[in-house]
Amino acid sequence: MADTTHHHDHHAHVSAHNPGAGRGAVVLDIGGDVGALVLHTRDDMVGREIEISPVGRDQERSHVEVLPRRTPSGSVQPTAVYGALRDGGWTLWDSDGAPAMVVVVRGGEVAEATWPTSAS
């Protein structure tokens, strides 16, 4: 499960510790009331950490880093993968600390979203 009780959770921020991060397949442990989110972003966001929190619990944030990941078609897409999120609504935060978007994650499923072009 994602640890959303600590502001600086590094559960998926591995590139600083693992230079190979983003080069292989992502393993997701989903099922029951736990799902995942794949967030597609712009190229200029690679290396940036994007915070996420359960809707209505803004202080319970965790974050992951945007990494260039190879798609099944062979292209490279910058994405942030949130591998274990409880069923429900999640707020994604822009770099200014303002809410950028809300996504819904369902248990046992992988949700996909695209970072809004108007968010920083």
Foldseek 3Di string as FASTA:
>chain_A
DQQLQDAEDCPAACCVPPVCPQEDDDDADFADQKEKEKEFEDPVQAQPWKWKDAPPCLSRIYTYGFHFHADPVGHTTTITIGRTDGFAKMFIAAPVRHTQDIDGTGTPYYHYYYGDPPGD
